[in-house]
Each structure stands twice: as structure tokens, then as C-alpha cells.
């Protein structure tokens, strides 16, 4: 198995960006996100989204 196979992660499904308020709250810190309030699912603010990407990144 190559490193590329090991580190491949399926592309995450992201909610559509909102055109304006109201925005959904981040499920971790409760700050406003870039996603519409009507979106049903997990939404993260840009900071928590970046931190989550760092936690799940392949350290190879």
C-alpha cells in the first residue's frame, strides 16, 4: 500500500454557502458560519473548519 492510498480521504460534502443572513451556528463554538440557517446537518465556522482539517490531516 502506498502513502497516497493510506492518506486518501473521501471529499467531504459541504453545505451550500449562504447569500446572506441568517447564518447557521457552528456546532462546536456557536459562532456564525458561512452556511444558511436552513441547512440541515453539521456546520462549522471557518476557524473550527480549519482546526478540524488540521486534526484529520495525514501527518505522513
N, C-alpha and C. Protein backbone atom coordinates (compact mmCIF):
# COMPACT_ATOMS: atom_id res chain seq x y z
N UNK A 1 0.85 -1.18 0.00
CA UNK A 1 0.00 0.00 0.00
C UNK A 1 0.90 1.24 0.00
N UNK A 2 0.66 2.17 -0.90
CA UNK A 2 1.47 3.38 -0.98
C UNK A 2 0.97 4.42 0.02
N UNK A 3 1.81 5.43 0.27
CA UNK A 3 1.41 6.52 1.16
C UNK A 3 0.19 7.24 0.62
N UNK A 4 0.11 7.35 -0.70
CA UNK A 4 -1.02 8.04 -1.31
C UNK A 4 -2.33 7.31 -0.99
N UNK A 5 -2.32 5.97 -1.07
CA UNK A 5 -3.52 5.20 -0.76
C UNK A 5 -3.90 5.37 0.72
N UNK A 6 -2.90 5.39 1.56
CA UNK A 6 -3.14 5.49 3.00
C UNK A 6 -3.74 6.84 3.38
N UNK A 7 -3.30 7.90 2.73
CA UNK A 7 -3.70 9.26 3.11
C UNK A 7 -4.91 9.78 2.34
N UNK A 8 -5.42 9.02 1.41
CA UNK A 8 -6.57 9.48 0.63
C UNK A 8 -7.81 9.50 1.50
N UNK A 9 -8.47 10.65 1.52
CA UNK A 9 -9.69 10.82 2.29
C UNK A 9 -10.78 11.23 1.31
N UNK A 10 -11.94 10.63 1.43
CA UNK A 10 -13.06 10.99 0.56
C UNK A 10 -13.38 12.47 0.72
N UNK A 11 -13.71 13.09 -0.37
CA UNK A 11 -14.05 14.52 -0.36
C UNK A 11 -15.27 14.75 0.53
N UNK A 12 -15.14 15.68 1.46
CA UNK A 12 -16.23 15.99 2.38
C UNK A 12 -17.35 16.71 1.64
N UNK A 13 -18.57 16.42 2.03
CA UNK A 13 -19.72 17.11 1.47
C UNK A 13 -19.92 18.38 2.27
N UNK A 14 -19.93 19.51 1.58
CA UNK A 14 -20.09 20.79 2.27
C UNK A 14 -21.45 21.39 1.95
N UNK A 15 -22.03 22.06 2.91
CA UNK A 15 -23.30 22.73 2.65
C UNK A 15 -23.09 23.91 1.70
N UNK A 16 -24.15 24.34 1.02
CA UNK A 16 -24.01 25.50 0.12
C UNK A 16 -23.75 26.77 0.91
N UNK A 17 -22.96 27.69 0.36
CA UNK A 17 -22.70 28.98 1.01
C UNK A 17 -23.98 29.81 1.00
N UNK A 18 -24.20 30.56 2.07
CA UNK A 18 -25.38 31.42 2.18
C UNK A 18 -25.13 32.72 1.44
N UNK A 19 -26.19 33.28 0.87
CA UNK A 19 -26.10 34.59 0.21
C UNK A 19 -26.14 35.72 1.22
N UNK A 20 -26.65 35.45 2.40
CA UNK A 20 -26.74 36.47 3.44
C UNK A 20 -27.39 35.88 4.68
N UNK A 21 -27.57 36.72 5.72
CA UNK A 21 -28.17 36.22 6.96
C UNK A 21 -29.57 35.68 6.71
N UNK A 22 -30.09 34.81 7.54
CA UNK A 22 -29.49 34.28 8.77
C UNK A 22 -28.51 33.14 8.49
N UNK A 23 -27.47 33.08 9.26
CA UNK A 23 -26.44 32.05 9.12
C UNK A 23 -26.62 30.98 10.19
N UNK A 24 -26.24 29.76 9.86
CA UNK A 24 -26.27 28.67 10.83
C UNK A 24 -25.16 28.87 11.86
N UNK A 25 -25.37 28.39 13.07
CA UNK A 25 -24.35 28.46 14.12
C UNK A 25 -23.39 27.28 13.97
N UNK A 26 -22.12 27.51 14.32
CA UNK A 26 -21.12 26.45 14.34
C UNK A 26 -21.51 25.45 15.43
N UNK A 27 -21.42 24.16 15.12
CA UNK A 27 -21.81 23.15 16.11
C UNK A 27 -20.79 23.03 17.24
N UNK A 28 -19.60 23.58 17.07
CA UNK A 28 -18.57 23.48 18.11
C UNK A 28 -18.51 24.72 18.99
N UNK A 29 -18.48 25.92 18.38
CA UNK A 29 -18.27 27.14 19.17
C UNK A 29 -19.47 28.09 19.17
N UNK A 30 -20.50 27.77 18.40
CA UNK A 30 -21.74 28.56 18.31
C UNK A 30 -21.57 29.90 17.61
N UNK A 31 -20.42 30.16 16.97
CA UNK A 31 -20.22 31.37 16.17
C UNK A 31 -20.96 31.20 14.84
N UNK A 32 -21.31 32.31 14.16
CA UNK A 32 -21.97 32.21 12.86
C UNK A 32 -21.04 31.56 11.83
N UNK A 33 -21.63 30.78 10.93
CA UNK A 33 -20.88 30.14 9.86
C UNK A 33 -21.14 30.88 8.55
N UNK A 34 -20.63 30.33 7.46
CA UNK A 34 -20.88 30.89 6.13
C UNK A 34 -22.06 30.18 5.47
N UNK A 35 -22.77 29.34 6.21
CA UNK A 35 -23.80 28.49 5.64
C UNK A 35 -25.18 28.95 6.07
N UNK A 36 -26.21 28.69 5.25
CA UNK A 36 -27.56 29.14 5.59
C UNK A 36 -28.11 28.44 6.82
N UNK A 37 -28.92 29.17 7.57
CA UNK A 37 -29.54 28.62 8.77
C UNK A 37 -30.46 27.46 8.43
N UNK A 38 -30.99 27.43 7.22
CA UNK A 38 -31.92 26.37 6.81
C UNK A 38 -31.22 25.04 6.52
N UNK A 39 -29.89 25.02 6.46
CA UNK A 39 -29.16 23.79 6.15
C UNK A 39 -29.31 22.79 7.29
N UNK A 40 -29.70 21.57 6.94
CA UNK A 40 -29.83 20.51 7.94
C UNK A 40 -28.57 19.66 7.92
N UNK A 41 -27.78 19.72 8.97
CA UNK A 41 -26.55 18.96 9.04
C UNK A 41 -25.52 19.70 9.86
N UNK A 42 -24.31 19.17 9.89
CA UNK A 42 -23.23 19.74 10.68
C UNK A 42 -22.64 20.93 9.94
N UNK A 43 -22.56 22.07 10.62
CA UNK A 43 -21.94 23.27 10.06
C UNK A 43 -20.85 23.75 11.01
N UNK A 44 -19.73 24.15 10.43
CA UNK A 44 -18.61 24.66 11.21
C UNK A 44 -18.25 26.05 10.72
N UNK A 45 -17.82 26.93 11.66
CA UNK A 45 -17.33 28.24 11.27
C UNK A 45 -15.96 28.06 10.60
N UNK A 46 -15.46 29.08 9.91
CA UNK A 46 -14.17 28.93 9.23
C UNK A 46 -13.03 28.52 10.17
N UNK A 47 -13.00 29.02 11.39
CA UNK A 47 -11.92 28.69 12.33
C UNK A 47 -12.01 27.21 12.73
N UNK A 48 -13.18 26.75 13.14
CA UNK A 48 -13.34 25.35 13.54
C UNK A 48 -13.15 24.42 12.35
N UNK A 49 -13.58 24.85 11.16
CA UNK A 49 -13.39 24.04 9.95
C UNK A 49 -11.89 23.84 9.69
N UNK A 50 -11.11 24.91 9.84
CA UNK A 50 -9.66 24.83 9.63
C UNK A 50 -9.02 23.93 10.69
N UNK A 51 -9.42 24.10 11.95
CA UNK A 51 -8.86 23.28 13.03
C UNK A 51 -9.20 21.80 12.83
N UNK A 52 -10.41 21.51 12.38
CA UNK A 52 -10.81 20.13 12.14
C UNK A 52 -9.99 19.54 10.99
N UNK A 53 -9.74 20.34 9.98
CA UNK A 53 -8.91 19.87 8.85
C UNK A 53 -7.49 19.56 9.33
N UNK A 54 -6.96 20.37 10.24
CA UNK A 54 -5.62 20.13 10.79
C UNK A 54 -5.60 18.83 11.60
N UNK A 55 -6.65 18.58 12.37
CA UNK A 55 -6.71 17.36 13.19
C UNK A 55 -6.79 16.10 12.34
N UNK A 56 -7.49 16.18 11.22
CA UNK A 56 -7.71 15.00 10.41
C UNK A 56 -6.72 14.85 9.26
N UNK A 57 -5.81 15.81 9.10
CA UNK A 57 -4.85 15.76 8.00
C UNK A 57 -3.86 14.61 8.22
N UNK A 58 -3.41 14.05 7.12
CA UNK A 58 -2.41 12.98 7.18
C UNK A 58 -1.06 13.58 7.56
N UNK A 59 -0.45 13.05 8.59
CA UNK A 59 0.84 13.59 9.03
C UNK A 59 2.00 12.82 8.39
N UNK A 60 1.68 11.87 7.54
CA UNK A 60 2.55 11.10 6.72
C UNK A 60 3.86 10.75 7.20
